PDB file of all heavy atoms in Angstrom:
ATOM      1  N   VAL A   1       0.846  -1.197   0.000  1.00  0.00           N
ATOM      2  CA  VAL A   1       0.000   0.000   0.000  1.00  0.00           C
ATOM      3  C   VAL A   1       0.880   1.245   0.000  1.00  0.00           C
ATOM      4  O   VAL A   1       1.780   1.370   0.830  1.00  0.00           O
ATOM      5  CB  VAL A   1      -0.936   0.014   1.230  1.00  0.00           C
ATOM      6  CG1 VAL A   1      -1.844   1.235   1.191  1.00  0.00           C
ATOM      7  CG2 VAL A   1      -1.773  -1.259   1.286  1.00  0.00           C
ATOM      8  N   PHE A   2       0.605   2.172  -0.928  1.00  0.00           N
ATOM      9  CA  PHE A   2       1.417   3.382  -1.055  1.00  0.00           C
ATOM     10  C   PHE A   2       0.534   4.630  -1.055  1.00  0.00           C
ATOM     11  O   PHE A   2      -0.484   4.677  -1.741  1.00  0.00           O
ATOM     12  CB  PHE A   2       2.238   3.352  -2.352  1.00  0.00           C
ATOM     13  CG  PHE A   2       3.178   2.183  -2.441  1.00  0.00           C
ATOM     14  CD1 PHE A   2       2.849   1.075  -3.213  1.00  0.00           C
ATOM     15  CD2 PHE A   2       4.380   2.178  -1.747  1.00  0.00           C
ATOM     16  CE1 PHE A   2       3.703   0.000  -3.293  1.00  0.00           C
ATOM     17  CE2 PHE A   2       5.239   1.095  -1.825  1.00  0.00           C
ATOM     18  CZ  PHE A   2       4.903   0.000  -2.599  1.00  0.00           C
ATOM     19  N   TYR A   3       0.964   5.638  -0.287  1.00  0.00           N
ATOM     20  CA  TYR A   3       0.285   6.932  -0.264  1.00  0.00           C
ATOM     21  C   TYR A   3       1.133   7.991  -0.966  1.00  0.00           C
ATOM     22  O   TYR A   3       0.689   9.112  -1.151  1.00  0.00           O
ATOM     23  CB  TYR A   3       0.012   7.371   1.173  1.00  0.00           C
ATOM     24  CG  TYR A   3      -0.641   6.298   2.014  1.00  0.00           C
ATOM     25  CD1 TYR A   3       0.081   5.601   2.972  1.00  0.00           C
ATOM     26  CD2 TYR A   3      -1.988   5.972   1.839  1.00  0.00           C
ATOM     27  CE1 TYR A   3      -0.515   4.607   3.734  1.00  0.00           C
ATOM     28  CE2 TYR A   3      -2.593   4.981   2.594  1.00  0.00           C
ATOM     29  CZ  TYR A   3      -1.842   4.294   3.542  1.00  0.00           C
ATOM     30  OH  TYR A   3      -2.432   3.314   4.289  1.00  0.00           O
ATOM     31  N   SER A   4       2.338   7.607  -1.351  1.00  0.00           N
ATOM     32  CA  SER A   4       3.277   8.507  -2.016  1.00  0.00           C
ATOM     33  C   SER A   4       3.483   8.056  -3.455  1.00  0.00           C
ATOM     34  O   SER A   4       3.769   6.881  -3.700  1.00  0.00           O
ATOM     35  CB  SER A   4       4.624   8.510  -1.270  1.00  0.00           C
ATOM     36  OG  SER A   4       5.669   8.950  -2.105  1.00  0.00           O
ATOM     37  N   ILE A   5       3.359   8.987  -4.393  1.00  0.00           N
ATOM     38  CA  ILE A   5       3.554   8.655  -5.800  1.00  0.00           C
ATOM     39  C   ILE A   5       4.996   8.241  -6.064  1.00  0.00           C
ATOM     40  O   ILE A   5       5.271   7.400  -6.919  1.00  0.00           O
ATOM     41  CB  ILE A   5       3.149   9.842  -6.711  1.00  0.00           C
ATOM     42  CG1 ILE A   5       3.060   9.402  -8.178  1.00  0.00           C
ATOM     43  CG2 ILE A   5       4.099  11.009  -6.539  1.00  0.00           C
ATOM     44  CD1 ILE A   5       1.919   8.513  -8.504  1.00  0.00           C
ATOM     45  N   THR A   6       5.931   8.803  -5.291  1.00  0.00           N
ATOM     46  CA  THR A   6       7.344   8.448  -5.441  1.00  0.00           C
ATOM     47  C   THR A   6       7.587   7.002  -5.052  1.00  0.00           C
ATOM     48  O   THR A   6       8.275   6.255  -5.763  1.00  0.00           O
ATOM     49  CB  THR A   6       8.234   9.370  -4.580  1.00  0.00           C
ATOM     50  OG1 THR A   6       7.993  10.729  -4.955  1.00  0.00           O
ATOM     51  CG2 THR A   6       9.703   9.039  -4.769  1.00  0.00           C
ATOM     52  N   ASP A   7       7.015   6.587  -3.915  1.00  0.00           N
ATOM     53  CA  ASP A   7       7.176   5.201  -3.467  1.00  0.00           C
ATOM     54  C   ASP A   7       6.484   4.240  -4.423  1.00  0.00           C
ATOM     55  O   ASP A   7       6.987   3.146  -4.700  1.00  0.00           O
ATOM     56  CB  ASP A   7       6.608   5.035  -2.051  1.00  0.00           C
ATOM     57  CG  ASP A   7       7.407   5.808  -1.016  1.00  0.00           C
ATOM     58  OD1 ASP A   7       8.580   6.126  -1.297  1.00  0.00           O
ATOM     59  OD2 ASP A   7       6.860   6.092   0.067  1.00  0.00           O
ATOM     60  N   PHE A   8       5.336   4.656  -4.925  1.00  0.00           N
ATOM     61  CA  PHE A   8       4.609   3.829  -5.890  1.00  0.00           C
ATOM     62  C   PHE A   8       5.427   3.650  -7.164  1.00  0.00           C
ATOM     63  O   PHE A   8       5.553   2.548  -7.696  1.00  0.00           O
ATOM     64  CB  PHE A   8       3.255   4.474  -6.192  1.00  0.00           C
ATOM     65  CG  PHE A   8       2.458   3.790  -7.262  1.00  0.00           C
ATOM     66  CD1 PHE A   8       2.020   2.488  -7.105  1.00  0.00           C
ATOM     67  CD2 PHE A   8       2.132   4.459  -8.438  1.00  0.00           C
ATOM     68  CE1 PHE A   8       1.268   1.856  -8.092  1.00  0.00           C
ATOM     69  CE2 PHE A   8       1.380   3.846  -9.433  1.00  0.00           C
ATOM     70  CZ  PHE A   8       0.949   2.544  -9.255  1.00  0.00           C
ATOM     71  N   ALA A   9       6.016   4.748  -7.642  1.00  0.00           N
ATOM     72  CA  ALA A   9       6.828   4.699  -8.861  1.00  0.00           C
ATOM     73  C   ALA A   9       8.031   3.792  -8.668  1.00  0.00           C
ATOM     74  O   ALA A   9       8.399   3.025  -9.568  1.00  0.00           O
ATOM     75  CB  ALA A   9       7.284   6.109  -9.247  1.00  0.00           C
ATOM     76  N   ARG A  10       8.656   3.856  -7.500  1.00  0.00           N
ATOM     77  CA  ARG A  10       9.825   3.010  -7.223  1.00  0.00           C
ATOM     78  C   ARG A  10       9.421   1.534  -7.245  1.00  0.00           C
ATOM     79  O   ARG A  10      10.121   0.690  -7.815  1.00  0.00           O
ATOM     80  CB  ARG A  10      10.430   3.374  -5.871  1.00  0.00           C
ATOM     81  CG  ARG A  10      11.722   2.604  -5.553  1.00  0.00           C
ATOM     82  CD  ARG A  10      12.296   2.982  -4.191  1.00  0.00           C
ATOM     83  NE  ARG A  10      12.599   4.406  -4.126  1.00  0.00           N
ATOM     84  CZ  ARG A  10      11.957   5.282  -3.364  1.00  0.00           C
ATOM     85  NH1 ARG A  10      10.946   4.880  -2.603  1.00  0.00           N
ATOM     86  NH2 ARG A  10      12.311   6.550  -3.348  1.00  0.00           N
ATOM     87  N   PHE A  11       8.294   1.222  -6.644  1.00  0.00           N
ATOM     88  CA  PHE A  11       7.825  -0.163  -6.611  1.00  0.00           C
ATOM     89  C   PHE A  11       7.538  -0.669  -8.025  1.00  0.00           C
ATOM     90  O   PHE A  11       7.940  -1.779  -8.397  1.00  0.00           O
ATOM     91  CB  PHE A  11       6.566  -0.268  -5.757  1.00  0.00           C
ATOM     92  CG  PHE A  11       6.014  -1.665  -5.657  1.00  0.00           C
ATOM     93  CD1 PHE A  11       6.461  -2.536  -4.683  1.00  0.00           C
ATOM     94  CD2 PHE A  11       5.049  -2.109  -6.557  1.00  0.00           C
ATOM     95  CE1 PHE A  11       5.961  -3.836  -4.606  1.00  0.00           C
ATOM     96  CE2 PHE A  11       4.549  -3.396  -6.484  1.00  0.00           C
ATOM     97  CZ  PHE A  11       5.007  -4.257  -5.508  1.00  0.00           C
ATOM     98  N   VAL A  12       6.851   0.148  -8.812  1.00  0.00           N
ATOM     99  CA  VAL A  12       6.513  -0.238 -10.185  1.00  0.00           C
ATOM    100  C   VAL A  12       7.779  -0.523 -10.990  1.00  0.00           C
ATOM    101  O   VAL A  12       7.847  -1.470 -11.782  1.00  0.00           O
ATOM    102  CB  VAL A  12       5.674   0.864 -10.868  1.00  0.00           C
ATOM    103  CG1 VAL A  12       5.541   0.586 -12.361  1.00  0.00           C
ATOM    104  CG2 VAL A  12       4.301   0.956 -10.224  1.00  0.00           C
ATOM    105  N   GLY A  13       8.810   0.303 -10.762  1.00  0.00           N
ATOM    106  CA  GLY A  13      10.048   0.125 -11.507  1.00  0.00           C
ATOM    107  C   GLY A  13      10.832  -1.107 -11.115  1.00  0.00           C
ATOM    108  O   GLY A  13      11.555  -1.676 -11.939  1.00  0.00           O
ATOM    109  N   GLU A  14      10.689  -1.536  -9.861  1.00  0.00           N
ATOM    110  CA  GLU A  14      11.491  -2.650  -9.351  1.00  0.00           C
ATOM    111  C   GLU A  14      10.750  -3.985  -9.333  1.00  0.00           C
ATOM    112  O   GLU A  14      11.376  -5.049  -9.316  1.00  0.00           O
ATOM    113  CB  GLU A  14      11.974  -2.335  -7.929  1.00  0.00           C
ATOM    114  CG  GLU A  14      12.919  -1.142  -7.860  1.00  0.00           C
ATOM    115  CD  GLU A  14      13.290  -0.780  -6.430  1.00  0.00           C
ATOM    116  OE1 GLU A  14      12.716  -1.392  -5.490  1.00  0.00           O
ATOM    117  OE2 GLU A  14      14.138   0.111  -6.247  1.00  0.00           O
ATOM    118  N   CYS A  15       9.425  -3.947  -9.331  1.00  0.00           N
ATOM    119  CA  CYS A  15       8.643  -5.181  -9.173  1.00  0.00           C
ATOM    120  C   CYS A  15       8.634  -6.012 -10.451  1.00  0.00           C
ATOM    121  O   CYS A  15       8.482  -5.478 -11.558  1.00  0.00           O
ATOM    122  CB  CYS A  15       7.218  -4.833  -8.768  1.00  0.00           C
ATOM    123  SG  CYS A  15       6.201  -6.273  -8.389  1.00  0.00           S
ATOM    124  N   ASP A  16       8.795  -7.303 -10.295  1.00  0.00           N
ATOM    125  CA  ASP A  16       8.778  -8.228 -11.429  1.00  0.00           C
ATOM    126  C   ASP A  16       7.394  -8.339 -12.044  1.00  0.00           C
ATOM    127  O   ASP A  16       7.212  -8.248 -13.251  1.00  0.00           O
ATOM    128  CB  ASP A  16       9.224  -9.610 -10.949  1.00  0.00           C
ATOM    129  CG  ASP A  16      10.449 -10.083 -11.697  1.00  0.00           C
ATOM    130  OD1 ASP A  16      10.714  -9.557 -12.782  1.00  0.00           O
ATOM    131  OD2 ASP A  16      11.137 -10.984 -11.202  1.00  0.00           O
ATOM    132  N   PHE A  17       6.402  -8.574 -11.206  1.00  0.00           N
ATOM    133  CA  PHE A  17       5.043  -8.751 -11.696  1.00  0.00           C
ATOM    134  C   PHE A  17       4.049  -8.542 -10.564  1.00  0.00           C
ATOM    135  O   PHE A  17       4.380  -8.673  -9.385  1.00  0.00           O
ATOM    136  CB  PHE A  17       4.844 -10.144 -12.307  1.00  0.00           C
ATOM    137  CG  PHE A  17       5.270 -11.264 -11.410  1.00  0.00           C
ATOM    138  CD1 PHE A  17       4.405 -11.809 -10.476  1.00  0.00           C
ATOM    139  CD2 PHE A  17       6.548 -11.769 -11.494  1.00  0.00           C
ATOM    140  CE1 PHE A  17       4.813 -12.838  -9.644  1.00  0.00           C
ATOM    141  CE2 PHE A  17       6.960 -12.808 -10.668  1.00  0.00           C
ATOM    142  CZ  PHE A  17       6.095 -13.335  -9.736  1.00  0.00           C
ATOM    143  N   VAL A  18       2.833  -8.181 -10.921  1.00  0.00           N
ATOM    144  CA  VAL A  18       1.760  -8.000  -9.946  1.00  0.00           C
ATOM    145  C   VAL A  18       0.506  -8.705 -10.464  1.00  0.00           C
ATOM    146  O   VAL A  18       0.355  -8.941 -11.658  1.00  0.00           O
ATOM    147  CB  VAL A  18       1.454  -6.513  -9.679  1.00  0.00           C
ATOM    148  CG1 VAL A  18       2.650  -5.819  -9.046  1.00  0.00           C
ATOM    149  CG2 VAL A  18       1.050  -5.791 -10.952  1.00  0.00           C
ATOM    150  N   ASP A  19      -0.385  -9.027  -9.533  1.00  0.00           N
ATOM    151  CA  ASP A  19      -1.610  -9.735  -9.893  1.00  0.00           C
ATOM    152  C   ASP A  19      -2.854  -8.854  -9.791  1.00  0.00           C
ATOM    153  O   ASP A  19      -3.793  -9.002 -10.561  1.00  0.00           O
ATOM    154  CB  ASP A  19      -1.780 -10.962  -8.987  1.00  0.00           C
ATOM    155  CG  ASP A  19      -0.606 -11.906  -9.091  1.00  0.00           C
ATOM    156  OD1 ASP A  19      -0.563 -12.682 -10.054  1.00  0.00           O
ATOM    157  OD2 ASP A  19       0.284 -11.859  -8.224  1.00  0.00           O
ATOM    158  N   PHE A  20      -2.836  -7.947  -8.809  1.00  0.00           N
ATOM    159  CA  PHE A  20      -4.003  -7.084  -8.571  1.00  0.00           C
ATOM    160  C   PHE A  20      -3.498  -5.677  -8.291  1.00  0.00           C
ATOM    161  O   PHE A  20      -2.647  -5.479  -7.433  1.00  0.00           O
ATOM    162  CB  PHE A  20      -4.811  -7.605  -7.375  1.00  0.00           C
ATOM    163  CG  PHE A  20      -6.139  -6.919  -7.172  1.00  0.00           C
ATOM    164  CD1 PHE A  20      -7.314  -7.518  -7.583  1.00  0.00           C
ATOM    165  CD2 PHE A  20      -6.206  -5.665  -6.561  1.00  0.00           C
ATOM    166  CE1 PHE A  20      -8.542  -6.879  -7.397  1.00  0.00           C
ATOM    167  CE2 PHE A  20      -7.430  -5.026  -6.373  1.00  0.00           C
ATOM    168  CZ  PHE A  20      -8.599  -5.638  -6.794  1.00  0.00           C
ATOM    169  N   VAL A  21      -4.033  -4.698  -9.023  1.00  0.00           N
ATOM    170  CA  VAL A  21      -3.599  -3.309  -8.886  1.00  0.00           C
ATOM    171  C   VAL A  21      -4.812  -2.431  -8.605  1.00  0.00           C
ATOM    172  O   VAL A  21      -5.822  -2.507  -9.300  1.00  0.00           O
ATOM    173  CB  VAL A  21      -2.905  -2.803 -10.170  1.00  0.00           C
ATOM    174  CG1 VAL A  21      -2.401  -1.377  -9.984  1.00  0.00           C
ATOM    175  CG2 VAL A  21      -1.766  -3.727 -10.562  1.00  0.00           C
ATOM    176  N   CYS A  22      -4.695  -1.596  -7.590  1.00  0.00           N
ATOM    177  CA  CYS A  22      -5.706  -0.600  -7.281  1.00  0.00           C
ATOM    178  C   CYS A  22      -4.984   0.742  -7.307  1.00  0.00           C
ATOM    179  O   CYS A  22      -4.154   1.014  -6.435  1.00  0.00           O
ATOM    180  CB  CYS A  22      -6.317  -0.873  -5.905  1.00  0.00           C
ATOM    181  SG  CYS A  22      -7.487   0.392  -5.360  1.00  0.00           S
ATOM    182  N   VAL A  23      -5.263   1.578  -8.301  1.00  0.00           N
ATOM    183  CA  VAL A  23      -4.455   2.778  -8.495  1.00  0.00           C
ATOM    184  C   VAL A  23      -5.316   4.009  -8.747  1.00  0.00           C
ATOM    185  O   VAL A  23      -6.252   3.998  -9.539  1.00  0.00           O
ATOM    186  CB  VAL A  23      -3.447   2.575  -9.652  1.00  0.00           C
ATOM    187  CG1 VAL A  23      -4.139   2.179 -10.939  1.00  0.00           C
ATOM    188  CG2 VAL A  23      -2.592   3.815  -9.868  1.00  0.00           C
ATOM    189  N   ASP A  24      -4.980   5.068  -8.028  1.00  0.00           N
ATOM    190  CA  ASP A  24      -5.650   6.348  -8.163  1.00  0.00           C
ATOM    191  C   ASP A  24      -4.977   7.138  -9.292  1.00  0.00           C
ATOM    192  O   ASP A  24      -3.802   7.508  -9.187  1.00  0.00           O
ATOM    193  CB  ASP A  24      -5.533   7.107  -6.831  1.00  0.00           C
ATOM    194  CG  ASP A  24      -6.309   8.415  -6.824  1.00  0.00           C
ATOM    195  OD1 ASP A  24      -6.753   8.854  -7.897  1.00  0.00           O
ATOM    196  OD2 ASP A  24      -6.446   9.000  -5.728  1.00  0.00           O
ATOM    197  N   VAL A  25      -5.709   7.385 -10.371  1.00  0.00           N
ATOM    198  CA  VAL A  25      -5.143   8.087 -11.524  1.00  0.00           C
ATOM    199  C   VAL A  25      -5.551   9.557 -11.550  1.00  0.00           C
ATOM    200  O   VAL A  25      -5.440  10.226 -12.583  1.00  0.00           O
ATOM    201  CB  VAL A  25      -5.537   7.401 -12.854  1.00  0.00           C
ATOM    202  CG1 VAL A  25      -4.992   5.985 -12.914  1.00  0.00           C
ATOM    203  CG2 VAL A  25      -7.054   7.413 -13.048  1.00  0.00           C
ATOM    204  N   SER A  26      -6.024  10.077 -10.405  1.00  0.00           N
ATOM    205  CA  SER A  26      -6.397  11.485 -10.339  1.00  0.00           C
ATOM    206  C   SER A  26      -5.197  12.385 -10.602  1.00  0.00           C
ATOM    207  O   SER A  26      -5.344  13.509 -11.076  1.00  0.00           O
ATOM    208  CB  SER A  26      -7.000  11.816  -8.967  1.00  0.00           C
ATOM    209  OG  SER A  26      -8.163  11.042  -8.753  1.00  0.00           O
ATOM    210  N   GLU A  27      -3.990  11.875 -10.263  1.00  0.00           N
ATOM    211  CA  GLU A  27      -2.759  12.568 -10.627  1.00  0.00           C
ATOM    212  C   GLU A  27      -2.313  12.023 -11.981  1.00  0.00           C
ATOM    213  O   GLU A  27      -2.140  10.814 -12.141  1.00  0.00           O
ATOM    214  CB  GLU A  27      -1.667  12.309  -9.590  1.00  0.00           C
ATOM    215  CG  GLU A  27      -1.969  12.880  -8.219  1.00  0.00           C
ATOM    216  CD  GLU A  27      -0.912  12.471  -7.206  1.00  0.00           C
ATOM    217  OE1 GLU A  27       0.088  13.195  -7.068  1.00  0.00           O
ATOM    218  OE2 GLU A  27      -1.090  11.415  -6.589  1.00  0.00           O
ATOM    219  N   SER A  28      -2.117  12.901 -12.933  1.00  0.00           N
ATOM    220  CA  SER A  28      -1.817  12.459 -14.297  1.00  0.00           C
ATOM    221  C   SER A  28      -0.563  11.603 -14.379  1.00  0.00           C
ATOM    222  O   SER A  28      -0.452  10.723 -15.243  1.00  0.00           O
ATOM    223  CB  SER A  28      -1.680  13.665 -15.228  1.00  0.00           C
ATOM    224  OG  SER A  28      -0.645  14.534 -14.773  1.00  0.00           O
ATOM    225  N   ILE A  29       0.394  11.810 -13.473  1.00  0.00           N
ATOM    226  CA  ILE A  29       1.637  11.043 -13.505  1.00  0.00           C
ATOM    227  C   ILE A  29       1.397   9.556 -13.234  1.00  0.00           C
ATOM    228  O   ILE A  29       2.200   8.691 -13.620  1.00  0.00           O
ATOM    229  CB  ILE A  29       2.650  11.613 -12.487  1.00  0.00           C
ATOM    230  CG1 ILE A  29       4.039  11.005 -12.737  1.00  0.00           C
ATOM    231  CG2 ILE A  29       2.190  11.373 -11.055  1.00  0.00           C
ATOM    232  CD1 ILE A  29       5.130  11.626 -11.899  1.00  0.00           C
ATOM    233  N   ALA A  30       0.283   9.244 -12.581  1.00  0.00           N
ATOM    234  CA  ALA A  30      -0.011   7.843 -12.269  1.00  0.00           C
ATOM    235  C   ALA A  30      -0.462   7.075 -13.507  1.00  0.00           C
ATOM    236  O   ALA A  30      -0.381   5.842 -13.545  1.00  0.00           O
ATOM    237  CB  ALA A  30      -1.092   7.753 -11.188  1.00  0.00           C
ATOM    238  N   ILE A  31      -0.927   7.767 -14.534  1.00  0.00           N
ATOM    239  CA  ILE A  31      -1.440   7.093 -15.731  1.00  0.00           C
ATOM    240  C   ILE A  31      -0.340   6.363 -16.500  1.00  0.00           C
ATOM    241  O   ILE A  31      -0.487   5.174 -16.806  1.00  0.00           O
ATOM    242  CB  ILE A  31      -2.209   8.079 -16.627  1.00  0.00           C
ATOM    243  CG1 ILE A  31      -3.496   8.509 -15.897  1.00  0.00           C
ATOM    244  CG2 ILE A  31      -2.543   7.451 -17.975  1.00  0.00           C
ATOM    245  CD1 ILE A  31      -4.307   9.569 -16.598  1.00  0.00           C
TER     246      ILE A  31
END
């Protein structure tokens, strides 16, 4: 669980694969 876009971005960049994603795209950078 991430409340920071920076931490979320780091996880996305390092993670091999995910099965379930719940993501707030209200910030355009999250898209």
